[in-house]
Protein backbone atom coordinates (compact mmCIF):
# COMPACT_ATOMS: atom_id res chain seq x y z
CA MET A 1 -48.37 49.12 4.98
CA LYS A 2 -47.03 51.28 7.81
CA LEU A 3 -49.63 49.80 10.17
CA LEU A 4 -48.65 46.25 9.17
CA ALA A 5 -44.98 47.05 9.75
CA LEU A 6 -45.80 48.46 13.19
CA ILE A 7 -47.87 45.40 14.14
CA THR A 8 -45.08 43.10 12.94
CA ALA A 9 -42.48 44.97 14.98
CA VAL A 10 -44.61 44.90 18.14
CA LEU A 11 -45.37 41.19 17.79
CA LEU A 12 -41.81 40.15 17.04
CA LEU A 13 -40.07 42.16 19.76
CA PRO A 14 -41.23 40.08 22.74
CA GLN A 15 -40.43 36.84 20.90
CA GLU A 16 -36.89 38.01 20.13
CA LYS A 17 -36.38 39.14 23.73
CA ASN A 18 -37.68 35.83 25.07
CA GLU A 19 -35.34 33.91 22.77
CA ALA A 20 -32.37 35.91 24.07
CA GLU A 21 -33.40 35.48 27.72
CA GLU A 22 -34.06 31.78 27.32
CA LEU A 23 -30.73 31.08 25.62
CA PHE A 24 -28.82 33.12 28.19
CA LYS A 25 -30.64 31.29 31.00
CA LYS A 26 -29.66 27.95 29.51
CA MET A 27 -26.01 29.04 29.38
CA GLU A 28 -26.13 30.37 32.94
CA GLU A 29 -27.76 27.23 34.34
CA LYS A 30 -25.33 24.95 32.51
CA ILE A 31 -22.28 26.76 33.91
CA ALA A 32 -23.80 27.14 37.40
CA LYS A 33 -24.47 23.39 37.68
CA ALA A 34 -21.08 22.32 36.32
CA ARG A 35 -18.71 20.69 38.80
CA THR A 36 -15.76 22.44 37.14
CA ALA A 37 -15.27 25.00 34.39
CA GLN A 38 -12.30 25.97 32.21
CA ALA A 39 -12.26 28.85 29.74
CA ARG A 40 -9.66 30.64 27.63
CA VAL A 41 -10.06 33.87 25.64
CA THR A 42 -7.96 36.03 23.36
CA GLY A 43 -8.82 39.51 22.22
CA GLU A 44 -8.07 43.20 22.24
CA LEU A 45 -8.79 46.17 24.46
CA GLY A 46 -9.75 49.17 22.33
CA PRO A 47 -8.82 51.82 21.54
CA THR A 48 -5.48 51.07 23.24
CA GLY A 49 -4.66 48.09 21.04
CA ILE A 50 -3.60 46.00 24.05
CA ALA A 51 -3.70 42.28 23.18
CA ILE A 52 -5.40 40.25 25.90
CA THR A 53 -5.04 36.58 26.80
CA ALA A 54 -6.86 35.14 29.81
CA THR A 55 -7.46 31.65 31.18
CA CYS A 56 -9.86 30.66 33.96
CA TRP A 57 -10.26 27.50 36.03
CA LEU A 58 -13.10 26.97 38.52
CA GLY A 59 -12.96 23.99 40.87
CA GLU A 60 -15.71 21.98 42.52
CA GLY A 61 -15.86 24.17 45.63
CA LYS A 62 -14.37 27.59 46.25
CA GLU A 63 -11.23 26.88 44.22
CA ALA A 64 -10.60 29.32 41.38
CA ARG A 65 -7.78 30.67 39.26
CA VAL A 66 -7.53 33.33 36.56
CA ASP A 67 -4.33 34.20 34.68
CA LEU A 68 -4.38 37.39 32.62
CA GLU A 69 -1.74 38.78 30.28
CA GLY A 70 -1.80 42.07 28.38
CA ARG A 71 0.67 42.95 25.62
CA ILE A 72 1.34 46.12 23.64
CA GLY A 73 4.51 46.62 21.65
CA GLY A 74 7.23 44.85 23.62
CA GLY A 75 5.57 45.44 26.99
CA VAL A 76 3.89 42.68 28.99
CA LEU A 77 1.67 43.04 32.08
CA LYS A 78 0.34 40.09 34.05
CA SER A 79 -2.36 39.64 36.69
CA ASN A 80 -3.25 36.56 38.66
CA LEU A 81 -6.08 35.48 40.95
CA ILE A 82 -5.94 32.22 42.92
CA SER A 83 -8.27 30.73 45.51
CA ASP A 84 -7.28 27.47 47.18
CA GLY A 85 -10.72 27.30 48.77
CA LYS A 86 -9.58 28.95 51.99
CA LYS A 87 -7.72 32.09 50.91
CA VAL A 88 -7.90 34.31 47.82
CA ARG A 89 -4.71 35.91 46.52
CA LEU A 90 -4.85 38.72 43.97
CA GLU A 91 -1.79 40.05 42.18
CA ALA A 92 -1.97 42.95 39.72
CA PRO A 93 0.54 45.41 38.20
CA GLY A 94 1.28 48.41 40.40
CA LYS A 95 -0.33 46.88 43.48
CA ASP A 96 0.95 44.82 46.40
CA PRO A 97 -0.45 41.27 46.38
CA ALA A 98 -3.70 41.06 48.36
CA LEU A 99 -4.67 38.06 50.49
CA PHE A 100 -8.08 37.54 52.12
CA ASP A 101 -10.46 34.81 53.23
CA ALA A 102 -12.48 33.06 50.54
CA PRO A 103 -16.20 33.71 51.18
CA GLU A 104 -18.50 30.70 51.41
CA HIS A 105 -20.37 31.69 48.25
CA LEU A 106 -17.22 32.16 46.11
CA GLY A 107 -17.92 29.15 43.89
CA ARG A 108 -21.40 30.37 42.98
CA LEU A 109 -20.32 34.00 42.63
CA SER A 110 -17.38 33.05 40.38
CA ARG A 111 -19.72 31.27 37.99
CA THR A 112 -22.06 34.26 37.92
CA PHE A 113 -19.22 36.63 37.06
CA LEU A 114 -17.83 34.25 34.45
CA THR A 115 -21.23 34.01 32.76
CA ARG A 116 -22.38 37.63 32.93
CA ASN A 117 -19.17 39.69 33.13
CA GLY A 118 -16.74 37.32 31.41
CA ILE A 119 -13.26 36.23 32.50
CA MET A 120 -12.10 39.83 32.93
CA GLY A 121 -15.01 40.35 35.31
CA MET A 122 -13.42 37.88 37.70
CA PHE A 123 -10.80 40.53 38.47
CA ASP A 124 -13.51 43.13 39.03
CA MET A 125 -15.03 40.76 41.55
CA ALA A 126 -11.75 40.45 43.44
CA PHE A 127 -10.69 44.10 43.22
CA GLU A 128 -13.96 45.27 44.74
CA SER A 129 -14.12 43.74 48.21
CA LYS A 130 -17.84 44.53 48.43
CA SER A 131 -18.49 42.39 45.35
CA ILE A 132 -16.61 39.31 46.47
CA ARG A 133 -18.11 39.42 49.95
CA ALA A 134 -21.68 40.14 48.86
CA GLU A 135 -24.21 37.37 48.31
CA SER A 136 -25.55 39.29 45.31
CA ALA A 137 -23.07 41.63 43.62
CA PRO A 138 -24.69 44.75 42.06
CA ASN A 139 -22.22 44.75 39.15
CA THR A 140 -23.68 41.44 37.93
CA ARG A 141 -27.17 42.94 37.55
CA MET A 142 -28.51 42.55 34.00
CA THR A 143 -31.11 44.78 32.31
CA ASP A 144 -32.43 45.46 28.79
CA ILE A 145 -31.81 41.93 27.50
CA ALA A 146 -32.43 41.68 23.75
CA SER A 147 -31.58 39.56 20.74
CA GLY A 148 -28.96 40.72 18.28
CA ALA A 149 -27.76 39.01 15.14
CA ARG A 150 -27.97 35.30 14.51
CA GLU A 151 -24.70 34.45 12.79
CA LYS A 152 -21.72 32.13 12.72
CA VAL A 153 -18.74 32.53 15.01
CA GLY A 154 -16.08 30.40 13.36
CA ASP A 155 -18.05 27.38 12.19
CA ARG A 156 -20.63 27.53 15.00
CA GLU A 157 -24.17 28.90 14.79
CA ALA A 158 -24.67 31.58 17.44
CA LEU A 159 -27.17 34.15 18.68
CA GLU A 160 -25.97 37.53 19.91
CA VAL A 161 -27.53 38.41 23.28
CA ARG A 162 -27.28 42.08 24.26
CA TYR A 163 -27.74 43.53 27.75
CA ARG A 164 -26.66 46.24 30.14
CA LEU A 165 -24.60 45.19 33.12
CA GLY A 166 -24.18 46.75 36.56
CA GLY A 167 -25.76 49.65 38.35
CA GLY A 168 -25.09 53.37 38.21
CA LYS A 169 -25.85 55.92 35.53
CA ASP A 170 -23.62 54.37 32.86
CA PRO A 171 -23.79 50.55 32.98
CA ASP A 172 -21.57 48.44 30.74
CA ARG A 173 -23.02 47.42 27.38
CA VAL A 174 -22.41 43.75 26.70
CA SER A 175 -22.93 41.45 23.74
CA VAL A 176 -22.28 37.74 24.07
CA TRP A 177 -22.59 35.30 21.19
CA ILE A 178 -23.95 31.99 22.50
CA ASP A 179 -23.68 28.69 20.66
CA VAL A 180 -27.30 27.66 19.99
CA ALA A 181 -26.38 23.97 20.17
CA THR A 182 -23.99 23.76 23.14
CA HIS A 183 -25.34 26.85 25.01
CA LEU A 184 -21.77 28.01 25.71
CA PRO A 185 -20.27 31.45 24.90
CA LEU A 186 -18.22 31.89 21.74
CA LYS A 187 -17.50 35.63 21.72
CA ARG A 188 -18.02 38.63 24.01
CA VAL A 189 -17.85 42.42 23.61
CA VAL A 190 -17.93 44.68 26.66
CA LYS A 191 -18.21 48.45 26.15
CA GLN A 192 -17.45 50.72 29.09
CA GLY A 193 -17.42 54.42 28.29
CA ASP A 194 -14.91 54.95 25.47
CA THR A 195 -13.19 51.60 25.94
CA ASN A 196 -14.26 48.26 24.56
CA LEU A 197 -13.01 44.72 25.10
CA THR A 198 -13.56 42.13 22.37
CA VAL A 199 -12.65 38.51 23.07
CA THR A 200 -13.27 35.13 21.49
CA TYR A 201 -13.35 31.86 23.40
CA SER A 202 -10.82 29.36 22.12
CA GLU A 203 -11.83 26.96 24.88
CA PHE A 204 -14.76 26.44 27.22
CA LYS A 205 -14.96 23.07 28.98
CA LEU A 206 -17.20 21.85 31.76
CA ASN A 207 -17.00 18.96 34.24
CA GLU A 208 -13.44 17.95 33.38
CA LYS A 209 -10.87 17.15 36.04
CA ILE A 210 -8.52 20.02 36.89
CA ASP A 211 -5.06 19.47 38.34
CA ALA A 212 -5.20 20.47 42.03
CA ALA A 213 -1.85 22.24 41.59
CA LYS A 214 -3.65 24.97 39.63
CA PHE A 215 -5.21 26.17 42.88
CA GLU A 216 -2.11 26.13 45.08
CA LEU A 217 -1.11 29.49 46.52
CA PRO A 218 2.53 30.61 46.22
CA LYS A 219 4.58 29.45 49.19
CA GLU A 220 5.08 33.00 50.43
CA ALA A 221 1.31 33.46 50.60
CA LYS A 222 0.61 30.42 52.81
């Protein structure tokens, strides 16, 4: 019986891994090929208890915008990233607004970060100048992809895909629940050291028209 269990485990493991890789690839290709993308998440940053709300818009070229809000008690902190296709402006609590040229590959890189790192990862991309200027950012590198649970998120059937993200000695541990029918993300958990971010997607839309005003820089930044 032990031998049969071992054989079963060995035979099933590659199949499960392939299922996870294939589903993730379908999600990644779908988002990469989309003319536009819009996503909204709500969740919590543990163990701090900070409530997170974030919305992302990606245009047809290098246009991008991410609005982030964190709340705990009566306190509110906001961050904002906007690219009008020529310049990128980043505003975050405790920092002076940063303004720099939008790299040619920003549209592609934004979709990679949105898919692998999630909406919050868009700020990581902007904060780290090496990431936003690099053709291939090391903190989007995925390893140890594996299948997790197959379960419902809300009323949707999903597969949990687990992987490690980024380089270094302690990469992030990520789980993303992907809708098996639409191939779009429904939920994401990112664990980094002792902190963990859990978010659910209340919206994820592709190829819909986005108001150009979303990508306009503040007047003082032009």
